[in-house]
N, C-alpha and C. Protein backbone atom coordinates (compact mmCIF):
# COMPACT_ATOMS: atom_id res chain seq x y z
N UNK A 1 -110.69 82.30 97.26
CA UNK A 1 -109.47 83.14 96.87
C UNK A 1 -109.73 83.91 95.66
N UNK A 2 -110.70 83.63 94.73
CA UNK A 2 -110.90 84.25 93.76
C UNK A 2 -111.36 85.35 94.12
N UNK A 3 -112.34 86.00 95.15
CA UNK A 3 -112.62 86.94 95.52
C UNK A 3 -111.85 88.31 95.76
N UNK A 4 -110.64 87.22 96.69
CA UNK A 4 -109.43 88.17 97.36
C UNK A 4 -108.88 88.82 96.39
N UNK A 5 -108.26 87.84 95.19
CA UNK A 5 -107.37 88.43 94.20
C UNK A 5 -108.05 89.50 93.51
N UNK A 6 -109.30 89.41 93.16
CA UNK A 6 -110.07 90.38 92.50
C UNK A 6 -110.30 91.56 93.36
N UNK A 7 -110.31 91.63 94.53
CA UNK A 7 -110.46 92.90 95.38
C UNK A 7 -109.06 93.74 95.25
N UNK A 8 -107.94 92.93 95.66
CA UNK A 8 -106.54 93.37 95.65
C UNK A 8 -106.15 93.79 94.22
N UNK A 9 -106.60 93.17 93.17
CA UNK A 9 -106.20 93.85 91.67
C UNK A 9 -106.94 94.89 91.51
N UNK A 10 -108.34 94.97 91.67
CA UNK A 10 -109.14 96.19 91.49
C UNK A 10 -108.43 97.67 92.13
N UNK A 11 -107.99 97.36 93.38
CA UNK A 11 -107.54 98.34 94.26
C UNK A 11 -106.20 98.93 93.68
N UNK A 12 -105.48 98.05 92.74
CA UNK A 12 -104.23 98.42 92.03
C UNK A 12 -104.54 99.15 90.64
N UNK A 13 -105.16 99.15 90.03
CA UNK A 13 -105.07 99.15 88.77
C UNK A 13 -105.99 100.63 88.52
N UNK A 14 -105.91 101.10 86.99
CA UNK A 14 -106.68 102.39 86.69
C UNK A 14 -107.78 101.88 86.51
N UNK A 15 -108.13 100.97 85.76
CA UNK A 15 -109.29 100.35 85.14
C UNK A 15 -109.66 99.24 85.62
N UNK A 16 -110.58 99.47 86.99
CA UNK A 16 -110.88 98.29 87.62
C UNK A 16 -112.22 97.37 87.08
N UNK A 17 -112.89 97.96 85.94
CA UNK A 17 -113.96 97.11 85.56
C UNK A 17 -113.26 96.08 84.44
N UNK A 18 -112.14 96.37 84.00
CA UNK A 18 -111.35 95.35 83.33
C UNK A 18 -110.84 94.20 83.58
N UNK A 19 -111.03 94.17 85.03
CA UNK A 19 -110.22 93.05 85.78
C UNK A 19 -111.07 91.97 85.81
N UNK A 20 -110.39 90.76 85.19
CA UNK A 20 -111.24 89.43 85.21
C UNK A 20 -110.06 88.41 86.12
N UNK A 21 -110.83 87.67 86.68
CA UNK A 21 -110.44 86.57 87.52
C UNK A 21 -110.85 85.43 87.39
N UNK A 22 -110.41 84.25 87.13
CA UNK A 22 -110.74 82.78 86.83
C UNK A 22 -110.30 81.83 87.74
N UNK A 23 -110.65 81.27 87.83
CA UNK A 23 -110.14 79.90 88.80
C UNK A 23 -110.61 78.33 87.83
N UNK A 24 -109.50 77.57 88.10
CA UNK A 24 -109.57 76.71 87.56
C UNK A 24 -108.99 75.33 88.45
N UNK A 25 -109.84 74.39 88.79
CA UNK A 25 -109.27 73.47 89.41
C UNK A 25 -109.09 72.06 89.04
N UNK A 26 -107.70 71.43 89.45
CA UNK A 26 -107.79 70.16 89.01
C UNK A 26 -107.49 69.16 90.31
N UNK A 27 -107.13 67.97 90.13
CA UNK A 27 -106.94 67.12 91.07
C UNK A 27 -106.02 67.80 92.29
N UNK A 28 -105.07 68.49 91.84
CA UNK A 28 -103.98 68.50 93.10
C UNK A 28 -103.73 70.34 93.40
N UNK A 29 -104.27 71.03 92.53
CA UNK A 29 -104.27 72.31 92.96
C UNK A 29 -105.19 73.19 92.17
N UNK A 30 -105.20 74.35 92.48
CA UNK A 30 -106.12 75.44 92.01
C UNK A 30 -105.23 76.84 91.33
N UNK A 31 -105.89 76.91 90.18
CA UNK A 31 -104.99 77.96 89.39
C UNK A 31 -105.92 79.31 89.14
N UNK A 32 -105.32 80.32 89.81
CA UNK A 32 -106.29 81.71 89.95
C UNK A 32 -105.35 82.55 88.41
N UNK A 33 -106.38 82.76 87.66
CA UNK A 33 -105.59 83.38 86.50
C UNK A 33 -106.38 85.14 86.77
N UNK A 34 -105.41 85.88 86.39
CA UNK A 34 -105.69 87.48 86.70
C UNK A 34 -105.24 87.99 85.69
N UNK A 35 -106.36 88.59 84.71
CA UNK A 35 -106.28 89.46 83.61
C UNK A 35 -106.76 90.75 83.75
N UNK A 36 -105.66 91.67 83.31
CA UNK A 36 -105.89 93.11 83.53
C UNK A 36 -105.46 93.76 82.17
N UNK A 37 -106.03 94.93 82.45
CA UNK A 37 -105.64 96.02 80.89
C UNK A 37 -104.32 96.11 80.70
N UNK A 38 -103.89 96.02 79.65
CA UNK A 38 -102.53 95.74 79.33
C UNK A 38 -101.86 96.98 79.68
N UNK A 39 -102.27 98.29 79.80
CA UNK A 39 -101.30 99.59 80.47
C UNK A 39 -101.66 99.32 82.24
N UNK A 40 -102.37 98.29 82.76
CA UNK A 40 -102.05 98.16 83.81
C UNK A 40 -101.47 96.92 84.37
N UNK A 41 -100.97 96.53 83.46
CA UNK A 41 -100.16 95.16 83.97
C UNK A 41 -99.01 95.69 84.64
N UNK A 42 -98.09 96.53 84.54
CA UNK A 42 -97.00 97.13 85.42
C UNK A 42 -97.27 97.36 86.80
N UNK A 43 -98.69 97.80 86.89
CA UNK A 43 -98.77 97.92 88.36
C UNK A 43 -99.39 96.81 89.07
N UNK A 44 -99.89 95.45 88.24
CA UNK A 44 -100.04 94.87 89.09
C UNK A 44 -98.75 93.72 89.31
N UNK A 45 -97.75 93.97 88.16
CA UNK A 45 -96.74 92.91 88.64
C UNK A 45 -95.61 93.96 89.47
N UNK A 46 -95.34 95.12 89.30
CA UNK A 46 -94.72 95.97 90.46
C UNK A 46 -93.23 95.76 89.98
N UNK A 47 -92.28 96.86 90.57
CA UNK A 47 -90.81 96.57 89.95
C UNK A 47 -90.11 95.40 90.31
N UNK A 48 -89.37 94.64 89.76
CA UNK A 48 -89.14 93.42 89.96
C UNK A 48 -90.01 92.25 90.18
N UNK A 49 -91.16 92.72 90.13
CA UNK A 49 -92.34 91.55 90.77
C UNK A 49 -92.42 91.39 91.80
N UNK A 50 -92.33 92.54 92.67
CA UNK A 50 -92.72 92.79 94.06
C UNK A 50 -94.22 92.40 94.28
N UNK A 51 -95.09 93.38 93.69
CA UNK A 51 -96.28 93.44 93.95
C UNK A 51 -96.84 92.04 93.75
N UNK A 52 -96.71 91.52 92.51
CA UNK A 52 -97.25 90.16 91.91
C UNK A 52 -96.71 89.15 93.06
N UNK A 53 -95.44 89.14 93.45
CA UNK A 53 -95.02 88.14 94.68
C UNK A 53 -95.73 88.38 95.92
N UNK A 54 -96.37 89.47 96.21
CA UNK A 54 -97.17 89.99 97.37
C UNK A 54 -98.41 89.03 97.35
N UNK A 55 -99.12 89.51 96.02
CA UNK A 55 -100.48 88.94 95.71
C UNK A 55 -100.02 87.08 96.14
N UNK A 56 -99.26 86.75 95.44
CA UNK A 56 -99.32 85.33 95.76
C UNK A 56 -98.82 84.98 96.86
N UNK A 57 -98.11 85.39 97.52
CA UNK A 57 -97.81 85.08 99.06
C UNK A 57 -99.42 85.36 100.07
N UNK A 58 -99.90 86.07 99.75
CA UNK A 58 -101.20 86.43 100.58
C UNK A 58 -102.38 85.52 100.19
N UNK A 59 -102.42 85.16 99.10
CA UNK A 59 -103.16 83.93 98.17
C UNK A 59 -102.59 82.63 98.89
N UNK A 60 -101.45 82.30 98.98
CA UNK A 60 -100.97 81.09 99.32
C UNK A 60 -100.97 81.06 101.12
N UNK A 61 -100.99 82.19 101.72
CA UNK A 61 -101.07 82.44 102.93
C UNK A 61 -102.65 81.47 103.75
N UNK A 62 -103.60 82.24 102.74
CA UNK A 62 -104.99 82.02 103.11
C UNK A 62 -105.45 80.45 102.53
N UNK A 63 -104.46 80.13 101.49
CA UNK A 63 -104.79 78.64 101.44
C UNK A 63 -103.69 77.78 101.99
N UNK A 64 -102.94 77.93 102.78
CA UNK A 64 -102.47 77.07 104.07
C UNK A 64 -103.38 76.89 104.78
N UNK A 65 -104.63 77.58 105.28
CA UNK A 65 -105.41 77.36 106.58
C UNK A 65 -106.59 76.20 106.03
N UNK A 66 -106.55 76.14 104.29
CA UNK A 66 -107.35 74.77 103.98
C UNK A 66 -106.99 73.99 103.57
N UNK A 67 -105.40 73.76 103.56
CA UNK A 67 -104.70 72.42 103.22
C UNK A 67 -104.46 72.21 101.77
N UNK A 68 -104.93 73.63 100.74
CA UNK A 68 -104.62 73.09 99.47
C UNK A 68 -104.02 73.99 98.78
N UNK A 69 -103.57 73.53 97.59
CA UNK A 69 -102.36 74.41 96.47
C UNK A 69 -103.09 75.45 95.84
N UNK A 70 -102.59 76.85 95.86
CA UNK A 70 -103.08 77.65 94.90
C UNK A 70 -102.04 78.36 94.38
N UNK A 71 -102.07 78.33 92.70
CA UNK A 71 -101.17 79.44 91.87
C UNK A 71 -101.65 80.45 91.72
N UNK A 72 -101.20 81.49 91.32
CA UNK A 72 -101.75 82.68 90.87
C UNK A 72 -100.93 83.23 89.45
N UNK A 73 -101.64 83.11 88.42
CA UNK A 73 -101.01 83.51 87.19
C UNK A 73 -101.42 84.45 86.65
N UNK A 74 -100.70 85.65 86.37
CA UNK A 74 -101.20 86.85 86.00
C UNK A 74 -100.86 86.86 84.18
N UNK A 75 -102.04 86.88 83.79
CA UNK A 75 -102.42 87.00 82.40
C UNK A 75 -102.28 88.12 81.34
């Protein structure tokens, strides 16, 4: 999942070298944190959060096959 978020984010931003994706796991879920440059934040979030919602939807669809819960946080 981490690689998927990283590939999507790098395709969206102007500074792909500043994209950092971390993955944290606990007993019930996995949290993927996406860090981008400040000036690229709007490109990752999109108007009214549409791009961020689309990223979360794709990740959750992939996680459904694994029967795991995955959350994506844009930091």
